[in-house]
Amino acid sequence: MSSNIRIKKKCQLCNSDFIAKTTVTKYCGDNCAKLAYKARKRAEKINKSKASSVKSQSKKTELSDIQQKDYLTVKEASLLLGCSSKTIYRMVTKNTIQAINLGERMTRIKRTDIDTLFNQKK
């Protein structure tokens, strides 16, 4: 079933007048549609790049905040040491790092204990 709709519209890219055969047509032709698609994808890449740079800057501020705290959570300690939280828990069970469990999911590690971990002689 074909439609006999004819609507006079303006192309969103080149602003030329054209006759659209559907109500959702935005561009006068295939070339304008392709150019608009490329511009849209380019803008998405730029936004993605900006978002990742903002995320990396927030990580830097997190590390500076973590370095000033006296007591750290397991997640913060893993960020500081650059390892997984499972590794931190493993170190706690082996008594490599001293930790205090204040309750369920409330394990705290003293910042000085992490510092002394690197100053130990074997």
PDB file of N, CA and C in Angstrom:
ATOM      1  N   MET A   1       0.840  -1.158   0.000  1.00  0.00           N
ATOM      2  CA  MET A   1       0.000   0.000   0.000  1.00  0.00           C
ATOM      3  C   MET A   1       0.896   1.235   0.000  1.00  0.00           C
ATOM      4  N   SER A   2       0.811   2.023  -0.983  1.00  0.00           N
ATOM      5  CA  SER A   2       1.669   3.201  -1.085  1.00  0.00           C
ATOM      6  C   SER A   2       0.905   4.430  -0.623  1.00  0.00           C
ATOM      7  N   SER A   3       1.674   5.440  -0.269  1.00  0.00           N
ATOM      8  CA  SER A   3       1.083   6.670   0.229  1.00  0.00           C
ATOM      9  C   SER A   3       1.160   7.750  -0.845  1.00  0.00           C
ATOM     10  N   ASN A   4       0.161   8.575  -0.897  1.00  0.00           N
ATOM     11  CA  ASN A   4       0.137   9.681  -1.848  1.00  0.00           C
ATOM     12  C   ASN A   4       0.424  11.008  -1.150  1.00  0.00           C
ATOM     13  N   ILE A   5       1.046  10.936   0.018  1.00  0.00           N
ATOM     14  CA  ILE A   5       1.349  12.149   0.786  1.00  0.00           C
ATOM     15  C   ILE A   5       2.484  12.902   0.106  1.00  0.00           C
ATOM     16  N   ARG A   6       2.318  14.195  -0.026  1.00  0.00           N
ATOM     17  CA  ARG A   6       3.367  15.070  -0.545  1.00  0.00           C
ATOM     18  C   ARG A   6       3.409  16.289   0.378  1.00  0.00           C
ATOM     19  N   ILE A   7       4.536  16.464   1.065  1.00  0.00           N
ATOM     20  CA  ILE A   7       4.679  17.563   2.020  1.00  0.00           C
ATOM     21  C   ILE A   7       5.872  18.409   1.618  1.00  0.00           C
ATOM     22  N   LYS A   8       5.685  19.716   1.591  1.00  0.00           N
ATOM     23  CA  LYS A   8       6.781  20.610   1.273  1.00  0.00           C
ATOM     24  C   LYS A   8       7.565  20.857   2.571  1.00  0.00           C
ATOM     25  N   LYS A   9       8.870  20.537   2.536  1.00  0.00           N
ATOM     26  CA  LYS A   9       9.721  20.674   3.721  1.00  0.00           C
ATOM     27  C   LYS A   9      11.020  21.350   3.354  1.00  0.00           C
ATOM     28  N   LYS A  10      11.790  21.709   4.400  1.00  0.00           N
ATOM     29  CA  LYS A  10      13.129  22.265   4.232  1.00  0.00           C
ATOM     30  C   LYS A  10      14.128  21.247   4.740  1.00  0.00           C
ATOM     31  N   CYS A  11      15.186  21.049   3.988  1.00  0.00           N
ATOM     32  CA  CYS A  11      16.242  20.116   4.377  1.00  0.00           C
ATOM     33  C   CYS A  11      16.937  20.652   5.633  1.00  0.00           C
ATOM     34  N   GLN A  12      17.146  19.793   6.623  1.00  0.00           N
ATOM     35  CA  GLN A  12      17.777  20.221   7.873  1.00  0.00           C
ATOM     36  C   GLN A  12      19.268  20.467   7.723  1.00  0.00           C
ATOM     37  N   LEU A  13      19.859  19.998   6.644  1.00  0.00           N
ATOM     38  CA  LEU A  13      21.293  20.187   6.446  1.00  0.00           C
ATOM     39  C   LEU A  13      21.591  21.381   5.537  1.00  0.00           C
ATOM     40  N   CYS A  14      20.989  21.394   4.348  1.00  0.00           N
ATOM     41  CA  CYS A  14      21.327  22.438   3.370  1.00  0.00           C
ATOM     42  C   CYS A  14      20.264  23.528   3.258  1.00  0.00           C
ATOM     43  N   ASN A  15      19.167  23.401   3.978  1.00  0.00           N
ATOM     44  CA  ASN A  15      18.067  24.378   4.005  1.00  0.00           C
ATOM     45  C   ASN A  15      17.401  24.618   2.655  1.00  0.00           C
ATOM     46  N   SER A  16      17.484  23.666   1.742  1.00  0.00           N
ATOM     47  CA  SER A  16      16.788  23.813   0.463  1.00  0.00           C
ATOM     48  C   SER A  16      15.389  23.211   0.579  1.00  0.00           C
ATOM     49  N   ASP A  17      14.464  23.717  -0.200  1.00  0.00           N
ATOM     50  CA  ASP A  17      13.086  23.207  -0.194  1.00  0.00           C
ATOM     51  C   ASP A  17      13.022  21.920  -1.007  1.00  0.00           C
ATOM     52  N   PHE A  18      12.217  20.968  -0.518  1.00  0.00           N
ATOM     53  CA  PHE A  18      11.994  19.720  -1.241  1.00  0.00           C
ATOM     54  C   PHE A  18      10.617  19.196  -0.888  1.00  0.00           C
ATOM     55  N   ILE A  19      10.160  18.233  -1.645  1.00  0.00           N
ATOM     56  CA  ILE A  19       8.857  17.618  -1.395  1.00  0.00           C
ATOM     57  C   ILE A  19       9.091  16.231  -0.807  1.00  0.00           C
ATOM     58  N   ALA A  20       8.618  16.055   0.426  1.00  0.00           N
ATOM     59  CA  ALA A  20       8.800  14.796   1.135  1.00  0.00           C
ATOM     60  C   ALA A  20       7.610  13.888   0.878  1.00  0.00           C
ATOM     61  N   LYS A  21       7.892  12.597   0.765  1.00  0.00           N
ATOM     62  CA  LYS A  21       6.830  11.619   0.537  1.00  0.00           C
ATOM     63  C   LYS A  21       6.372  10.962   1.834  1.00  0.00           C
ATOM     64  N   THR A  22       7.092  11.211   2.924  1.00  0.00           N
ATOM     65  CA  THR A  22       6.679  10.715   4.240  1.00  0.00           C
ATOM     66  C   THR A  22       6.738  11.863   5.233  1.00  0.00           C
ATOM     67  N   THR A  23       6.141  11.662   6.384  1.00  0.00           N
ATOM     68  CA  THR A  23       6.098  12.724   7.388  1.00  0.00           C
ATOM     69  C   THR A  23       7.381  12.811   8.210  1.00  0.00           C
ATOM     70  N   VAL A  24       8.236  11.807   8.144  1.00  0.00           N
ATOM     71  CA  VAL A  24       9.450  11.789   8.959  1.00  0.00           C
ATOM     72  C   VAL A  24      10.710  12.141   8.178  1.00  0.00           C
ATOM     73  N   THR A  25      10.592  12.431   6.911  1.00  0.00           N
ATOM     74  CA  THR A  25      11.754  12.758   6.089  1.00  0.00           C
ATOM     75  C   THR A  25      12.348  14.084   6.562  1.00  0.00           C
ATOM     76  N   LYS A  26      13.700  14.101   6.741  1.00  0.00           N
ATOM     77  CA  LYS A  26      14.372  15.294   7.247  1.00  0.00           C
ATOM     78  C   LYS A  26      15.288  15.937   6.215  1.00  0.00           C
ATOM     79  N   TYR A  27      15.749  15.148   5.265  1.00  0.00           N
ATOM     80  CA  TYR A  27      16.765  15.624   4.330  1.00  0.00           C
ATOM     81  C   TYR A  27      16.246  15.518   2.894  1.00  0.00           C
ATOM     82  N   CYS A  28      16.815  16.374   2.029  1.00  0.00           N
ATOM     83  CA  CYS A  28      16.330  16.449   0.647  1.00  0.00           C
ATOM     84  C   CYS A  28      16.767  15.250  -0.187  1.00  0.00           C
ATOM     85  N   GLY A  29      17.833  14.606   0.184  1.00  0.00           N
ATOM     86  CA  GLY A  29      18.296  13.473  -0.604  1.00  0.00           C
ATOM     87  C   GLY A  29      19.281  12.615   0.152  1.00  0.00           C
ATOM     88  N   ASP A  30      19.823  11.642  -0.556  1.00  0.00           N
ATOM     89  CA  ASP A  30      20.733  10.677   0.036  1.00  0.00           C
ATOM     90  C   ASP A  30      22.047  11.329   0.489  1.00  0.00           C
ATOM     91  N   ASN A  31      22.559  12.262  -0.314  1.00  0.00           N
ATOM     92  CA  ASN A  31      23.827  12.913   0.037  1.00  0.00           C
ATOM     93  C   ASN A  31      23.711  13.706   1.326  1.00  0.00           C
ATOM     94  N   CYS A  32      22.637  14.470   1.490  1.00  0.00           N
ATOM     95  CA  CYS A  32      22.447  15.243   2.716  1.00  0.00           C
ATOM     96  C   CYS A  32      22.254  14.316   3.923  1.00  0.00           C
ATOM     97  N   ALA A  33      21.548  13.217   3.721  1.00  0.00           N
ATOM     98  CA  ALA A  33      21.348  12.257   4.811  1.00  0.00           C
ATOM     99  C   ALA A  33      22.677  11.647   5.236  1.00  0.00           C
ATOM    100  N   LYS A  34      23.534  11.304   4.276  1.00  0.00           N
ATOM    101  CA  LYS A  34      24.843  10.729   4.598  1.00  0.00           C
ATOM    102  C   LYS A  34      25.736  11.735   5.308  1.00  0.00           C
ATOM    103  N   LEU A  35      25.733  12.985   4.840  1.00  0.00           N
ATOM    104  CA  LEU A  35      26.542  14.020   5.479  1.00  0.00           C
ATOM    105  C   LEU A  35      26.079  14.283   6.911  1.00  0.00           C
ATOM    106  N   ALA A  36      24.767  14.287   7.112  1.00  0.00           N
ATOM    107  CA  ALA A  36      24.226  14.496   8.456  1.00  0.00           C
ATOM    108  C   ALA A  36      24.592  13.323   9.366  1.00  0.00           C
ATOM    109  N   TYR A  37      24.556  12.111   8.832  1.00  0.00           N
ATOM    110  CA  TYR A  37      24.923  10.927   9.604  1.00  0.00           C
ATOM    111  C   TYR A  37      26.381  11.007  10.041  1.00  0.00           C
ATOM    112  N   LYS A  38      27.266  11.398   9.114  1.00  0.00           N
ATOM    113  CA  LYS A  38      28.691  11.507   9.446  1.00  0.00           C
ATOM    114  C   LYS A  38      28.922  12.579  10.507  1.00  0.00           C
ATOM    115  N   ALA A  39      28.215  13.688  10.386  1.00  0.00           N
ATOM    116  CA  ALA A  39      28.358  14.761  11.380  1.00  0.00           C
ATOM    117  C   ALA A  39      27.874  14.300  12.748  1.00  0.00           C
ATOM    118  N   ARG A  40      26.780  13.533  12.767  1.00  0.00           N
ATOM    119  CA  ARG A  40      26.246  13.010  14.022  1.00  0.00           C
ATOM    120  C   ARG A  40      27.227  12.050  14.674  1.00  0.00           C
ATOM    121  N   LYS A  41      27.826  11.150  13.886  1.00  0.00           N
ATOM    122  CA  LYS A  41      28.798  10.190  14.409  1.00  0.00           C
ATOM    123  C   LYS A  41      30.059  10.899  14.903  1.00  0.00           C
ATOM    124  N   ARG A  42      30.493  11.922  14.186  1.00  0.00           N
ATOM    125  CA  ARG A  42      31.663  12.696  14.589  1.00  0.00           C
ATOM    126  C   ARG A  42      31.402  13.366  15.949  1.00  0.00           C
ATOM    127  N   ALA A  43      30.212  13.936  16.119  1.00  0.00           N
ATOM    128  CA  ALA A  43      29.853  14.580  17.382  1.00  0.00           C
ATOM    129  C   ALA A  43      29.796  13.562  18.522  1.00  0.00           C
ATOM    130  N   GLU A  44      29.308  12.354  18.243  1.00  0.00           N
ATOM    131  CA  GLU A  44      29.272  11.298  19.263  1.00  0.00           C
ATOM    132  C   GLU A  44      30.680  10.929  19.719  1.00  0.00           C
ATOM    133  N   LYS A  45      31.616  10.824  18.767  1.00  0.00           N
ATOM    134  CA  LYS A  45      33.000  10.495  19.116  1.00  0.00           C
ATOM    135  C   LYS A  45      33.622  11.587  19.972  1.00  0.00           C
ATOM    136  N   ILE A  46      33.350  12.835  19.628  1.00  0.00           N
ATOM    137  CA  ILE A  46      33.901  13.953  20.395  1.00  0.00           C
ATOM    138  C   ILE A  46      33.345  13.947  21.812  1.00  0.00           C
ATOM    139  N   ASN A  47      32.041  13.721  21.952  1.00  0.00           N
ATOM    140  CA  ASN A  47      31.423  13.669  23.279  1.00  0.00           C
ATOM    141  C   ASN A  47      31.969  12.507  24.097  1.00  0.00           C
ATOM    142  N   LYS A  48      32.193  11.365  23.445  1.00  0.00           N
ATOM    143  CA  LYS A  48      32.740  10.203  24.135  1.00  0.00           C
ATOM    144  C   LYS A  48      34.159  10.495  24.624  1.00  0.00           C
ATOM    145  N   SER A  49      34.938  11.169  23.805  1.00  0.00           N
ATOM    146  CA  SER A  49      36.305  11.532  24.179  1.00  0.00           C
ATOM    147  C   SER A  49      36.308  12.504  25.355  1.00  0.00           C
ATOM    148  N   LYS A  50      35.419  13.489  25.324  1.00  0.00           N
ATOM    149  CA  LYS A  50      35.326  14.448  26.422  1.00  0.00           C
ATOM    150  C   LYS A  50      34.915  13.753  27.713  1.00  0.00           C
ATOM    151  N   ALA A  51      33.983  12.811  27.620  1.00  0.00           N
ATOM    152  CA  ALA A  51      33.520  12.095  28.805  1.00  0.00           C
ATOM    153  C   ALA A  51      34.638  11.255  29.407  1.00  0.00           C
ATOM    154  N   SER A  52      35.460  10.617  28.567  1.00  0.00           N
ATOM    155  CA  SER A  52      36.548   9.799  29.098  1.00  0.00           C
ATOM    156  C   SER A  52      37.629  10.660  29.737  1.00  0.00           C
ATOM    157  N   SER A  53      37.874  11.865  29.202  1.00  0.00           N
ATOM    158  CA  SER A  53      38.871  12.746  29.807  1.00  0.00           C
ATOM    159  C   SER A  53      38.373  13.275  31.147  1.00  0.00           C
ATOM    160  N   VAL A  54      37.080  13.540  31.260  1.00  0.00           N
ATOM    161  CA  VAL A  54      36.509  13.976  32.528  1.00  0.00           C
ATOM    162  C   VAL A  54      36.599  12.853  33.550  1.00  0.00           C
ATOM    163  N   LYS A  55      36.365  11.622  33.105  1.00  0.00           N
ATOM    164  CA  LYS A  55      36.438  10.466  33.988  1.00  0.00           C
ATOM    165  C   LYS A  55      37.860  10.269  34.503  1.00  0.00           C
ATOM    166  N   SER A  56      38.865  10.440  33.640  1.00  0.00           N
ATOM    167  CA  SER A  56      40.254  10.271  34.074  1.00  0.00           C
ATOM    168  C   SER A  56      40.663  11.379  35.039  1.00  0.00           C
ATOM    169  N   GLN A  57      40.142  12.593  34.848  1.00  0.00           N
ATOM    170  CA  GLN A  57      40.437  13.679  35.778  1.00  0.00           C
ATOM    171  C   GLN A  57      39.810  13.418  37.130  1.00  0.00           C
ATOM    172  N   SER A  58      38.609  12.821  37.150  1.00  0.00           N
ATOM    173  CA  SER A  58      37.966  12.519  38.431  1.00  0.00           C
ATOM    174  C   SER A  58      38.721  11.420  39.166  1.00  0.00           C
ATOM    175  N   LYS A  59      39.340  10.478  38.425  1.00  0.00           N
ATOM    176  CA  LYS A  59      40.151   9.447  39.056  1.00  0.00           C
ATOM    177  C   LYS A  59      41.363  10.060  39.739  1.00  0.00           C
ATOM    178  N   LYS A  60      41.980  11.065  39.098  1.00  0.00           N
ATOM    179  CA  LYS A  60      43.136  11.729  39.690  1.00  0.00           C
ATOM    180  C   LYS A  60      42.750  12.418  40.989  1.00  0.00           C
ATOM    181  N   THR A  61      41.581  13.064  41.010  1.00  0.00           N
ATOM    182  CA  THR A  61      41.150  13.724  42.238  1.00  0.00           C
ATOM    183  C   THR A  61      40.810  12.696  43.300  1.00  0.00           C
ATOM    184  N   GLU A  62      40.270  11.536  42.897  1.00  0.00           N
ATOM    185  CA  GLU A  62      39.991  10.469  43.853  1.00  0.00           C
ATOM    186  C   GLU A  62      41.268  10.002  44.521  1.00  0.00           C
ATOM    187  N   LEU A  63      42.329   9.803  43.748  1.00  0.00           N
ATOM    188  CA  LEU A  63      43.592   9.340  44.317  1.00  0.00           C
ATOM    189  C   LEU A  63      44.165  10.360  45.286  1.00  0.00           C
ATOM    190  N   SER A  64      44.066  11.642  44.973  1.00  0.00           N
ATOM    191  CA  SER A  64      44.582  12.648  45.901  1.00  0.00           C
ATOM    192  C   SER A  64      43.741  12.694  47.173  1.00  0.00           C
ATOM    193  N   ASP A  65      42.425  12.453  47.047  1.00  0.00           N
ATOM    194  CA  ASP A  65      41.575  12.388  48.237  1.00  0.00           C
ATOM    195  C   ASP A  65      41.917  11.166  49.081  1.00  0.00           C
ATOM    196  N   ILE A  66      42.166  10.043  48.426  1.00  0.00           N
ATOM    197  CA  ILE A  66      42.485   8.803  49.126  1.00  0.00           C
ATOM    198  C   ILE A  66      43.807   8.942  49.883  1.00  0.00           C
ATOM    199  N   GLN A  67      44.773   9.603  49.292  1.00  0.00           N
ATOM    200  CA  GLN A  67      46.087   9.730  49.915  1.00  0.00           C
ATOM    201  C   GLN A  67      46.041  10.586  51.178  1.00  0.00           C
ATOM    202  N   GLN A  68      45.010  11.382  51.362  1.00  0.00           N
ATOM    203  CA  GLN A  68      44.902  12.228  52.543  1.00  0.00           C
ATOM    204  C   GLN A  68      44.120  11.574  53.673  1.00  0.00           C
ATOM    205  N   LYS A  69      43.425  10.475  53.403  1.00  0.00           N
ATOM    206  CA  LYS A  69      42.631   9.806  54.433  1.00  0.00           C
ATOM    207  C   LYS A  69      43.511   8.951  55.339  1.00  0.00           C
ATOM    208  N   ASP A  70      43.092   8.813  56.601  1.00  0.00           N
ATOM    209  CA  ASP A  70      43.818   7.964  57.543  1.00  0.00           C
ATOM    210  C   ASP A  70      43.365   6.508  57.458  1.00  0.00           C
ATOM    211  N   TYR A  71      42.078   6.294  57.252  1.00  0.00           N
ATOM    212  CA  TYR A  71      41.527   4.946  57.146  1.00  0.00           C
ATOM    213  C   TYR A  71      40.873   4.781  55.782  1.00  0.00           C
ATOM    214  N   LEU A  72      41.149   3.654  55.137  1.00  0.00           N
ATOM    215  CA  LEU A  72      40.661   3.407  53.788  1.00  0.00           C
ATOM    216  C   LEU A  72      39.732   2.208  53.754  1.00  0.00           C
ATOM    217  N   THR A  73      38.799   2.241  52.813  1.00  0.00           N
ATOM    218  CA  THR A  73      37.987   1.062  52.547  1.00  0.00           C
ATOM    219  C   THR A  73      38.808   0.122  51.666  1.00  0.00           C
ATOM    220  N   VAL A  74      38.301  -1.081  51.461  1.00  0.00           N
ATOM    221  CA  VAL A  74      39.011  -2.046  50.621  1.00  0.00           C
ATOM    222  C   VAL A  74      39.090  -1.540  49.182  1.00  0.00           C
ATOM    223  N   LYS A  75      38.033  -0.943  48.709  1.00  0.00           N
ATOM    224  CA  LYS A  75      38.022  -0.415  47.343  1.00  0.00           C
ATOM    225  C   LYS A  75      39.040   0.712  47.185  1.00  0.00           C
ATOM    226  N   GLU A  76      39.107   1.602  48.165  1.00  0.00           N
ATOM    227  CA  GLU A  76      40.077   2.691  48.104  1.00  0.00           C
ATOM    228  C   GLU A  76      41.506   2.173  48.175  1.00  0.00           C
ATOM    229  N   ALA A  77      41.734   1.156  49.009  1.00  0.00           N
ATOM    230  CA  ALA A  77      43.071   0.567  49.114  1.00  0.00           C
ATOM    231  C   ALA A  77      43.457  -0.105  47.799  1.00  0.00           C
ATOM    232  N   SER A  78      42.495  -0.750  47.152  1.00  0.00           N
ATOM    233  CA  SER A  78      42.799  -1.396  45.873  1.00  0.00           C
ATOM    234  C   SER A  78      43.102  -0.358  44.795  1.00  0.00           C
ATOM    235  N   LEU A  79      42.415   0.783  44.814  1.00  0.00           N
ATOM    236  CA  LEU A  79      42.725   1.866  43.875  1.00  0.00           C
ATOM    237  C   LEU A  79      44.122   2.421  44.137  1.00  0.00           C
ATOM    238  N   LEU A  80      44.450   2.573  45.412  1.00  0.00           N
ATOM    239  CA  LEU A  80      45.745   3.133  45.779  1.00  0.00           C
ATOM    240  C   LEU A  80      46.890   2.211  45.390  1.00  0.00           C
ATOM    241  N   LEU A  81      46.708   0.903  45.592  1.00  0.00           N
ATOM    242  CA  LEU A  81      47.753  -0.062  45.270  1.00  0.00           C
ATOM    243  C   LEU A  81      47.712  -0.513  43.814  1.00  0.00           C
ATOM    244  N   GLY A  82      46.616  -0.261  43.145  1.00  0.00           N
ATOM    245  CA  GLY A  82      46.497  -0.661  41.741  1.00  0.00           C
ATOM    246  C   GLY A  82      46.272  -2.152  41.581  1.00  0.00           C
ATOM    247  N   CYS A  83      45.479  -2.722  42.468  1.00  0.00           N
ATOM    248  CA  CYS A  83      45.170  -4.149  42.383  1.00  0.00           C
ATOM    249  C   CYS A  83      43.677  -4.339  42.626  1.00  0.00           C
ATOM    250  N   SER A  84      43.230  -5.585  42.603  1.00  0.00           N
ATOM    251  CA  SER A  84      41.810  -5.842  42.803  1.00  0.00           C
ATOM    252  C   SER A  84      41.478  -5.892  44.291  1.00  0.00           C
ATOM    253  N   SER A  85      40.194  -5.787  44.585  1.00  0.00           N
ATOM    254  CA  SER A  85      39.763  -5.854  45.982  1.00  0.00           C
ATOM    255  C   SER A  85      39.955  -7.259  46.545  1.00  0.00           C
ATOM    256  N   LYS A  86      39.883  -8.272  45.684  1.00  0.00           N
ATOM    257  CA  LYS A  86      40.135  -9.643  46.140  1.00  0.00           C
ATOM    258  C   LYS A  86      41.566  -9.803  46.636  1.00  0.00           C
ATOM    259  N   THR A  87      42.499  -9.127  45.973  1.00  0.00           N
ATOM    260  CA  THR A  87      43.897  -9.180  46.397  1.00  0.00           C
ATOM    261  C   THR A  87      44.050  -8.543  47.773  1.00  0.00           C
ATOM    262  N   ILE A  88      43.348  -7.457  48.020  1.00  0.00           N
ATOM    263  CA  ILE A  88      43.409  -6.802  49.328  1.00  0.00           C
ATOM    264  C   ILE A  88      42.857  -7.732  50.398  1.00  0.00           C
ATOM    265  N   TYR A  89      41.719  -8.369  50.118  1.00  0.00           N
ATOM    266  CA  TYR A  89      41.155  -9.312  51.087  1.00  0.00           C
ATOM    267  C   TYR A  89      42.110 -10.475  51.335  1.00  0.00           C
ATOM    268  N   ARG A  90      42.776 -10.939  50.287  1.00  0.00           N
ATOM    269  CA  ARG A  90      43.746 -12.031  50.426  1.00  0.00           C
ATOM    270  C   ARG A  90      44.913 -11.599  51.317  1.00  0.00           C
ATOM    271  N   MET A  91      45.371 -10.359  51.138  1.00  0.00           N
ATOM    272  CA  MET A  91      46.457  -9.840  51.962  1.00  0.00           C
ATOM    273  C   MET A  91      46.023  -9.686  53.420  1.00  0.00           C
ATOM    274  N   VAL A  92      44.765  -9.359  53.631  1.00  0.00           N
ATOM    275  CA  VAL A  92      44.240  -9.231  54.996  1.00  0.00           C
ATOM    276  C   VAL A  92      44.188 -10.597  55.668  1.00  0.00           C
ATOM    277  N   THR A  93      43.742 -11.639  54.944  1.00  0.00           N
ATOM    278  CA  THR A  93      43.667 -12.974  55.538  1.00  0.00           C
ATOM    279  C   THR A  93      45.050 -13.559  55.799  1.00  0.00           C
ATOM    280  N   LYS A  94      46.053 -13.173  55.015  1.00  0.00           N
ATOM    281  CA  LYS A  94      47.430 -13.636  55.240  1.00  0.00           C
ATOM    282  C   LYS A  94      48.166 -12.769  56.254  1.00  0.00           C
ATOM    283  N   ASN A  95      47.499 -11.766  56.809  1.00  0.00           N
ATOM    284  CA  ASN A  95      48.058 -10.808  57.765  1.00  0.00           C
ATOM    285  C   ASN A  95      49.216 -10.006  57.182  1.00  0.00           C
ATOM    286  N   THR A  96      49.231  -9.811  55.883  1.00  0.00           N
ATOM    287  CA  THR A  96      50.214  -8.921  55.257  1.00  0.00           C
ATOM    288  C   THR A  96      49.833  -7.480  55.540  1.00  0.00           C
ATOM    289  N   ILE A  97      48.532  -7.213  55.570  1.00  0.00           N
ATOM    290  CA  ILE A  97      47.997  -5.893  55.910  1.00  0.00           C
ATOM    291  C   ILE A  97      47.069  -6.056  57.098  1.00  0.00           C
ATOM    292  N   GLN A  98      47.203  -5.175  58.067  1.00  0.00           N
ATOM    293  CA  GLN A  98      46.291  -5.165  59.215  1.00  0.00           C
ATOM    294  C   GLN A  98      44.993  -4.482  58.812  1.00  0.00           C
ATOM    295  N   ALA A  99      43.869  -5.061  59.184  1.00  0.00           N
ATOM    296  CA  ALA A  99      42.571  -4.464  58.870  1.00  0.00           C
ATOM    297  C   ALA A  99      41.617  -4.676  60.022  1.00  0.00           C
ATOM    298  N   ILE A 100      40.634  -3.798  60.106  1.00  0.00           N
ATOM    299  CA  ILE A 100      39.613  -3.884  61.140  1.00  0.00           C
ATOM    300  C   ILE A 100      38.269  -4.040  60.448  1.00  0.00           C
ATOM    301  N   ASN A 101      37.504  -5.021  60.886  1.00  0.00           N
ATOM    302  CA  ASN A 101      36.173  -5.241  60.331  1.00  0.00           C
ATOM    303  C   ASN A 101      35.158  -4.640  61.298  1.00  0.00           C
ATOM    304  N   LEU A 102      34.554  -3.536  60.914  1.00  0.00           N
ATOM    305  CA  LEU A 102      33.598  -2.836  61.766  1.00  0.00           C
ATOM    306  C   LEU A 102      32.185  -3.374  61.608  1.00  0.00           C
ATOM    307  N   GLY A 103      31.976  -4.221  60.665  1.00  0.00           N
ATOM    308  CA  GLY A 103      30.656  -4.778  60.407  1.00  0.00           C
ATOM    309  C   GLY A 103      30.638  -5.366  59.022  1.00  0.00           C
ATOM    310  N   GLU A 104      29.453  -5.744  58.573  1.00  0.00           N
ATOM    311  CA  GLU A 104      29.335  -6.321  57.240  1.00  0.00           C
ATOM    312  C   GLU A 104      29.675  -5.270  56.191  1.00  0.00           C
ATOM    313  N   ARG A 105      30.640  -5.572  55.356  1.00  0.00           N
ATOM    314  CA  ARG A 105      31.127  -4.687  54.298  1.00  0.00           C
ATOM    315  C   ARG A 105      31.657  -3.368  54.848  1.00  0.00           C
ATOM    316  N   MET A 106      32.274  -3.426  56.023  1.00  0.00           N
ATOM    317  CA  MET A 106      32.842  -2.218  56.614  1.00  0.00           C
ATOM    318  C   MET A 106      34.273  -2.474  57.064  1.00  0.00           C
ATOM    319  N   THR A 107      35.065  -3.096  56.219  1.00  0.00           N
ATOM    320  CA  THR A 107      36.464  -3.366  56.524  1.00  0.00           C
ATOM    321  C   THR A 107      37.256  -2.091  56.276  1.00  0.00           C
ATOM    322  N   ARG A 108      38.053  -1.692  57.259  1.00  0.00           N
ATOM    323  CA  ARG A 108      38.874  -0.490  57.149  1.00  0.00           C
ATOM    324  C   ARG A 108      40.343  -0.854  57.320  1.00  0.00           C
ATOM    325  N   ILE A 109      41.177  -0.177  56.543  1.00  0.00           N
ATOM    326  CA  ILE A 109      42.612  -0.436  56.557  1.00  0.00           C
ATOM    327  C   ILE A 109      43.310   0.880  56.874  1.00  0.00           C
ATOM    328  N   LYS A 110      44.264   0.827  57.800  1.00  0.00           N
ATOM    329  CA  LYS A 110      45.005   2.026  58.162  1.00  0.00           C
ATOM    330  C   LYS A 110      45.965   2.396  57.040  1.00  0.00           C
ATOM    331  N   ARG A 111      46.004   3.654  56.723  1.00  0.00           N
ATOM    332  CA  ARG A 111      46.864   4.143  55.638  1.00  0.00           C
ATOM    333  C   ARG A 111      48.331   3.894  55.961  1.00  0.00           C
ATOM    334  N   THR A 112      48.706   4.024  57.224  1.00  0.00           N
ATOM    335  CA  THR A 112      50.106   3.819  57.617  1.00  0.00           C
ATOM    336  C   THR A 112      50.528   2.365  57.446  1.00  0.00           C
ATOM    337  N   ASP A 113      49.579   1.426  57.597  1.00  0.00           N
ATOM    338  CA  ASP A 113      49.896   0.006  57.381  1.00  0.00           C
ATOM    339  C   ASP A 113      50.254  -0.258  55.927  1.00  0.00           C
ATOM    340  N   ILE A 114      49.586   0.429  55.019  1.00  0.00           N
ATOM    341  CA  ILE A 114      49.903   0.273  53.596  1.00  0.00           C
ATOM    342  C   ILE A 114      51.270   0.889  53.299  1.00  0.00           C
ATOM    343  N   ASP A 115      51.549   2.028  53.939  1.00  0.00           N
ATOM    344  CA  ASP A 115      52.853   2.663  53.742  1.00  0.00           C
ATOM    345  C   ASP A 115      53.991   1.781  54.264  1.00  0.00           C
ATOM    346  N   THR A 116      53.787   1.140  55.428  1.00  0.00           N
ATOM    347  CA  THR A 116      54.826   0.279  55.992  1.00  0.00           C
ATOM    348  C   THR A 116      54.998  -1.005  55.202  1.00  0.00           C
ATOM    349  N   LEU A 117      53.994  -1.366  54.440  1.00  0.00           N
ATOM    350  CA  LEU A 117      54.085  -2.558  53.596  1.00  0.00           C
ATOM    351  C   LEU A 117      55.245  -2.418  52.607  1.00  0.00           C
ATOM    352  N   PHE A 118      55.455  -1.221  52.106  1.00  0.00           N
ATOM    353  CA  PHE A 118      56.524  -0.990  51.142  1.00  0.00           C
ATOM    354  C   PHE A 118      57.873  -0.727  51.798  1.00  0.00           C
ATOM    355  N   ASN A 119      57.871  -0.423  53.075  1.00  0.00           N
ATOM    356  CA  ASN A 119      59.121  -0.134  53.771  1.00  0.00           C
ATOM    357  C   ASN A 119      59.691  -1.367  54.480  1.00  0.00           C
ATOM    358  N   GLN A 120      58.993  -2.486  54.441  1.00  0.00           N
ATOM    359  CA  GLN A 120      59.469  -3.700  55.104  1.00  0.00           C
ATOM    360  C   GLN A 120      60.656  -4.304  54.362  1.00  0.00           C
ATOM    361  N   LYS A 121      61.606  -4.817  55.143  1.00  0.00           N
ATOM    362  CA  LYS A 121      62.741  -5.523  54.570  1.00  0.00           C
ATOM    363  C   LYS A 121      62.543  -7.001  54.797  1.00  0.00           C
ATOM    364  N   LYS A 122      62.861  -7.811  53.791  1.00  0.00           N
ATOM    365  CA  LYS A 122      62.683  -9.255  53.910  1.00  0.00           C
ATOM    366  C   LYS A 122      63.952  -9.909  54.345  1.00  0.00           C
TER     367      LYS A 122
END
